[in-house]
C-alpha cells in the first residue's frame, strides 16, 4: 500500500521532543499519530459523500484505523476488505469490481432502495418467484440480453373477446452487463495528504503538552 509522508515542518516540535524523557517520546508520538488517523477517517467519510450519490452507510463507514502504539509508532488508515474491493478502482482507476457477481447488476423495471440500489437479497428472492427466470433472451432486433426476466401473467396475455393469447413480451427486471471503467475518482490520498499537512503540527503540539502534563 502506498504510504503518505507527513513530515511537515515539525523541527520546533522535534526539539521539544528531545527535552522529554525517553519514556514520554513514544507516548506523545502515538497520541499524535492516532489523533491524525481519526481525522483522516473523518475526511474520507466526507470524500465518500462528495464523490458518490447517496452512498450507503456501509460505504461511508468503510475505513478502519490500525492504531499506533509506543512500541510501534505507525498509524494506518485503510478500507475494510469488502469495501476496499469495490472502492479500489475509484482510487487507482480501472474497471468496476464484479466481486462474485456474473456481471454488473443494472436494474431496469424494478423498485430500488433509498440509496438507488437493489435491496440486499433482492436477486436471491427473485429467483424463487413464479414466472421469473435468469438467462439470455434474444430481442426482436436480434440483440442478446442476459439478465433476470419476468414472464407476463396469464391475465396480461389474454386479449380480445375470445380470450386469445397475445405475445405481450417479457419484462427485463435486472440486466447483467459487462464491467466498465469507473467514471469518478475517489481522491483518498489527496484528501488525506491535505489534512495531514494542515493538522500535523497542531496534533503533535497537543500531544507534547499532554505528555509534559503527565511527566513526573
Protein backbone atom coordinates (compact mmCIF):
# COMPACT_ATOMS: atom_id res chain seq x y z
CA UNK A 1 0.00 0.00 0.00
CA UNK A 2 1.23 3.48 -0.84
CA UNK A 3 2.23 5.45 2.25
CA UNK A 4 1.79 9.14 2.89
CA UNK A 5 4.71 11.20 4.13
CA UNK A 6 3.59 13.58 6.89
CA UNK A 7 6.98 15.06 7.71
CA UNK A 8 5.71 18.62 7.78
CA UNK A 9 7.70 21.50 9.29
CA UNK A 10 8.00 19.90 12.71
CA UNK A 11 11.54 20.98 13.62
CA UNK A 12 10.42 23.13 16.57
CA UNK A 13 8.40 20.21 17.87
CA UNK A 14 11.27 17.80 17.32
CA UNK A 15 13.47 19.98 19.52
CA UNK A 16 10.77 19.92 22.19
CA UNK A 17 10.61 16.14 21.93
CA UNK A 18 14.32 15.98 22.80
CA UNK A 19 13.53 17.56 26.14
CA UNK A 20 11.10 14.79 27.04
CA UNK A 21 12.16 11.67 28.79
CA UNK A 22 12.71 8.62 26.62
CA UNK A 23 9.54 7.14 28.10
CA UNK A 24 7.34 10.06 27.08
CA UNK A 25 8.53 10.46 23.50
CA UNK A 26 6.87 7.25 22.21
CA UNK A 27 3.74 8.10 24.17
CA UNK A 28 3.46 11.56 22.64
CA UNK A 29 4.18 10.21 19.18
CA UNK A 30 1.43 7.58 19.38
CA UNK A 31 -1.05 10.17 20.68
CA UNK A 32 -0.40 12.47 17.75
CA UNK A 33 -0.47 9.75 15.11
CA UNK A 34 -3.74 8.27 16.36
CA UNK A 35 -5.40 11.69 16.51
CA UNK A 36 -4.32 12.35 12.94
CA UNK A 37 -5.59 8.94 11.82
CA UNK A 38 -9.03 9.70 13.29
CA UNK A 39 -9.05 12.99 11.44
CA UNK A 40 -8.19 11.24 8.16
CA UNK A 41 -11.07 8.79 8.62
CA UNK A 42 -13.48 11.71 9.09
CA UNK A 43 -12.10 13.31 5.93
CA UNK A 44 -12.51 10.11 3.94
CA UNK A 45 -16.14 9.82 5.04
CA UNK A 46 -16.67 13.33 3.68
CA UNK A 47 -14.90 12.33 0.47
CA UNK A 48 -17.32 9.42 0.09
CA UNK A 49 -20.27 11.82 0.36
CA UNK A 50 -18.66 14.24 -2.09
CA UNK A 51 -17.86 11.54 -4.66
CA UNK A 52 -20.88 9.25 -4.66
CA UNK A 53 -24.60 9.99 -4.88
CA UNK A 54 -26.49 8.79 -1.77
CA UNK A 55 -23.74 6.43 -0.55
CA UNK A 56 -24.82 3.69 1.82
CA UNK A 57 -23.73 3.72 5.48
CA UNK A 58 -21.71 0.59 4.64
CA UNK A 59 -19.61 2.63 2.20
CA UNK A 60 -19.42 5.70 4.41
CA UNK A 61 -18.05 3.57 7.23
CA UNK A 62 -15.54 1.82 5.00
CA UNK A 63 -12.39 2.93 6.77
CA UNK A 64 -10.62 1.46 9.76
CA UNK A 65 -7.64 2.51 11.84
CA UNK A 66 -4.68 0.40 12.86
CA UNK A 67 -3.57 2.42 15.86
CA UNK A 68 -0.03 3.44 16.70
CA UNK A 69 1.46 2.30 19.99
CA UNK A 70 4.52 3.33 21.97
CA UNK A 71 6.41 0.34 20.60
CA UNK A 72 5.09 0.70 17.03
CA UNK A 73 4.82 4.40 16.08
CA UNK A 74 2.81 3.86 12.89
CA UNK A 75 -0.90 4.55 12.43
CA UNK A 76 -2.62 3.22 9.34
CA UNK A 77 -5.93 4.14 7.73
CA UNK A 78 -7.30 1.66 5.23
CA UNK A 79 -10.58 0.50 3.76
CA UNK A 80 -12.09 -2.69 5.15
CA UNK A 81 -11.73 -5.75 2.92
CA UNK A 82 -15.15 -5.78 1.23
CA UNK A 83 -15.34 -2.04 0.68
CA UNK A 84 -11.72 -1.95 -0.48
CA UNK A 85 -12.54 -4.34 -3.31
CA UNK A 86 -15.12 -2.07 -4.93
CA UNK A 87 -13.55 1.27 -3.92
CA UNK A 88 -10.07 0.50 -5.27
CA UNK A 89 -10.89 1.21 -8.95
CA UNK A 90 -12.21 4.63 -7.93
CA UNK A 91 -8.87 5.37 -6.25
CA UNK A 92 -6.39 3.95 -8.77
CA UNK A 93 -8.55 3.68 -11.91
CA UNK A 94 -9.74 0.68 -13.86
CA UNK A 95 -12.96 -1.28 -14.24
CA UNK A 96 -15.67 -1.52 -11.64
CA UNK A 97 -15.32 -4.59 -9.46
CA UNK A 98 -17.62 -7.51 -10.16
CA UNK A 99 -16.80 -9.29 -6.92
CA UNK A 100 -18.53 -12.68 -7.06
CA UNK A 101 -21.26 -11.49 -9.45
CA UNK A 102 -21.54 -12.81 -13.01
CA UNK A 103 -21.93 -9.26 -14.29
CA UNK A 104 -22.80 -5.75 -13.23
CA UNK A 105 -26.39 -5.69 -11.98
CA UNK A 106 -28.17 -2.95 -13.92
CA UNK A 107 -31.72 -2.52 -12.56
CA UNK A 108 -34.40 -1.95 -15.16
CA UNK A 109 -38.06 -2.39 -14.25
CA UNK A 110 -37.67 -2.98 -10.53
CA UNK A 111 -38.00 -0.94 -7.36
CA UNK A 112 -34.78 0.33 -5.79
CA UNK A 113 -34.00 1.20 -2.17
CA UNK A 114 -33.45 4.69 -0.77
CA UNK A 115 -29.82 4.67 -1.96
CA UNK A 116 -30.76 3.89 -5.56
CA UNK A 117 -29.53 0.31 -5.30
CA UNK A 118 -31.06 -3.12 -5.34
CA UNK A 119 -32.15 -4.14 -1.86
CA UNK A 120 -29.91 -6.72 -0.21
CA UNK A 121 -31.03 -10.21 -1.14
CA UNK A 122 -33.33 -8.93 -3.90
CA UNK A 123 -31.74 -11.06 -6.61
CA UNK A 124 -31.99 -14.19 -4.47
CA UNK A 125 -35.64 -13.51 -3.69
CA UNK A 126 -36.49 -13.03 -7.36
CA UNK A 127 -35.09 -16.44 -8.25
CA UNK A 128 -37.85 -18.19 -6.34
CA UNK A 129 -40.77 -16.25 -7.79
CA UNK A 130 -43.13 -17.85 -10.33
CA UNK A 131 -42.64 -16.58 -13.83
CA UNK A 132 -39.17 -15.20 -13.13
CA UNK A 133 -36.08 -16.72 -14.72
CA UNK A 134 -32.42 -15.84 -15.27
CA UNK A 135 -30.91 -16.25 -18.70
CA UNK A 136 -30.27 -14.85 -22.15
CA UNK A 137 -33.09 -13.62 -24.38
CA UNK A 138 -32.81 -12.56 -27.98
CA UNK A 139 -34.85 -9.40 -28.55
CA UNK A 140 -36.79 -8.55 -31.70
CA UNK A 141 -33.87 -6.57 -33.07
CA UNK A 142 -31.56 -9.56 -32.62
CA UNK A 143 -29.74 -8.33 -29.52
CA UNK A 144 -28.94 -10.94 -26.88
CA UNK A 145 -29.67 -9.66 -23.38
CA UNK A 146 -28.60 -11.57 -20.28
CA UNK A 147 -30.49 -10.85 -17.08
CA UNK A 148 -33.44 -11.51 -14.82
CA UNK A 149 -36.71 -11.71 -16.72
CA UNK A 150 -40.36 -11.88 -15.75
CA UNK A 151 -42.88 -13.63 -17.93
CA UNK A 152 -46.26 -11.91 -18.40
CA UNK A 153 -49.09 -13.25 -16.28
CA UNK A 154 -51.92 -15.22 -17.86
CA UNK A 155 -54.27 -12.30 -17.34
CA UNK A 156 -51.89 -9.95 -19.11
CA UNK A 157 -51.64 -12.33 -22.06
CA UNK A 158 -55.39 -12.67 -22.59
CA UNK A 159 -56.78 -10.19 -25.10
CA UNK A 160 -59.91 -9.83 -27.20
CA UNK A 161 -63.43 -11.17 -26.70
CA UNK A 162 -62.35 -14.71 -27.47
CA UNK A 163 -59.66 -14.69 -24.81
CA UNK A 164 -56.87 -15.35 -27.25
CA UNK A 165 -53.26 -15.05 -26.14
CA UNK A 166 -51.11 -12.19 -27.35
CA UNK A 167 -47.30 -12.04 -27.44
CA UNK A 168 -47.01 -9.23 -24.90
CA UNK A 169 -43.31 -9.89 -24.33
CA UNK A 170 -41.07 -10.39 -21.31
CA UNK A 171 -40.19 -7.76 -18.72
CA UNK A 172 -36.48 -7.22 -18.06
CA UNK A 173 -36.07 -6.69 -14.32
CA UNK A 174 -32.28 -6.70 -14.00
CA UNK A 175 -29.73 -6.75 -16.79
CA UNK A 176 -26.30 -8.34 -16.43
CA UNK A 177 -23.75 -6.04 -18.03
CA UNK A 178 -20.02 -6.30 -18.59
CA UNK A 179 -17.93 -4.25 -16.20
CA UNK A 180 -16.94 -0.79 -17.35
CA UNK A 181 -14.24 1.73 -16.38
CA UNK A 182 -15.15 3.89 -13.40
CA UNK A 183 -16.23 7.41 -14.31
CA UNK A 184 -15.47 9.00 -10.95
CA UNK A 185 -12.32 9.26 -8.87
CA UNK A 186 -12.17 8.91 -5.11
CA UNK A 187 -9.25 11.08 -4.00
CA UNK A 188 -8.25 9.04 -0.95
CA UNK A 189 -4.59 10.08 -0.91
CA UNK A 190 -5.16 13.70 -1.89
CA UNK A 191 -7.71 14.25 0.85
CA UNK A 192 -5.56 12.53 3.48
CA UNK A 193 -2.38 14.36 2.50
CA UNK A 194 -4.06 17.78 2.63
CA UNK A 195 -5.47 17.04 6.08
CA UNK A 196 -2.14 15.79 7.44
CA UNK A 197 -0.20 18.79 6.15
CA UNK A 198 -2.73 21.17 7.69
CA UNK A 199 -3.01 19.44 11.07
CA UNK A 200 0.20 17.52 11.82
CA UNK A 201 1.93 20.34 13.68
CA UNK A 202 -1.16 21.09 15.77
CA UNK A 203 -1.68 17.46 16.78
CA UNK A 204 1.98 16.94 17.68
CA UNK A 205 1.92 20.14 19.71
CA UNK A 206 -1.17 18.92 21.59
CA UNK A 207 0.48 15.54 22.15
CA UNK A 208 3.59 17.24 23.55
CA UNK A 209 1.52 19.24 26.02
CA UNK A 210 -0.29 16.13 27.18
CA UNK A 211 2.99 14.25 27.53
CA UNK A 212 4.53 17.09 29.51
CA UNK A 213 1.47 17.17 31.77
CA UNK A 214 1.88 13.52 32.66
CA UNK A 215 5.64 13.71 33.24
CA UNK A 216 6.65 13.18 36.83
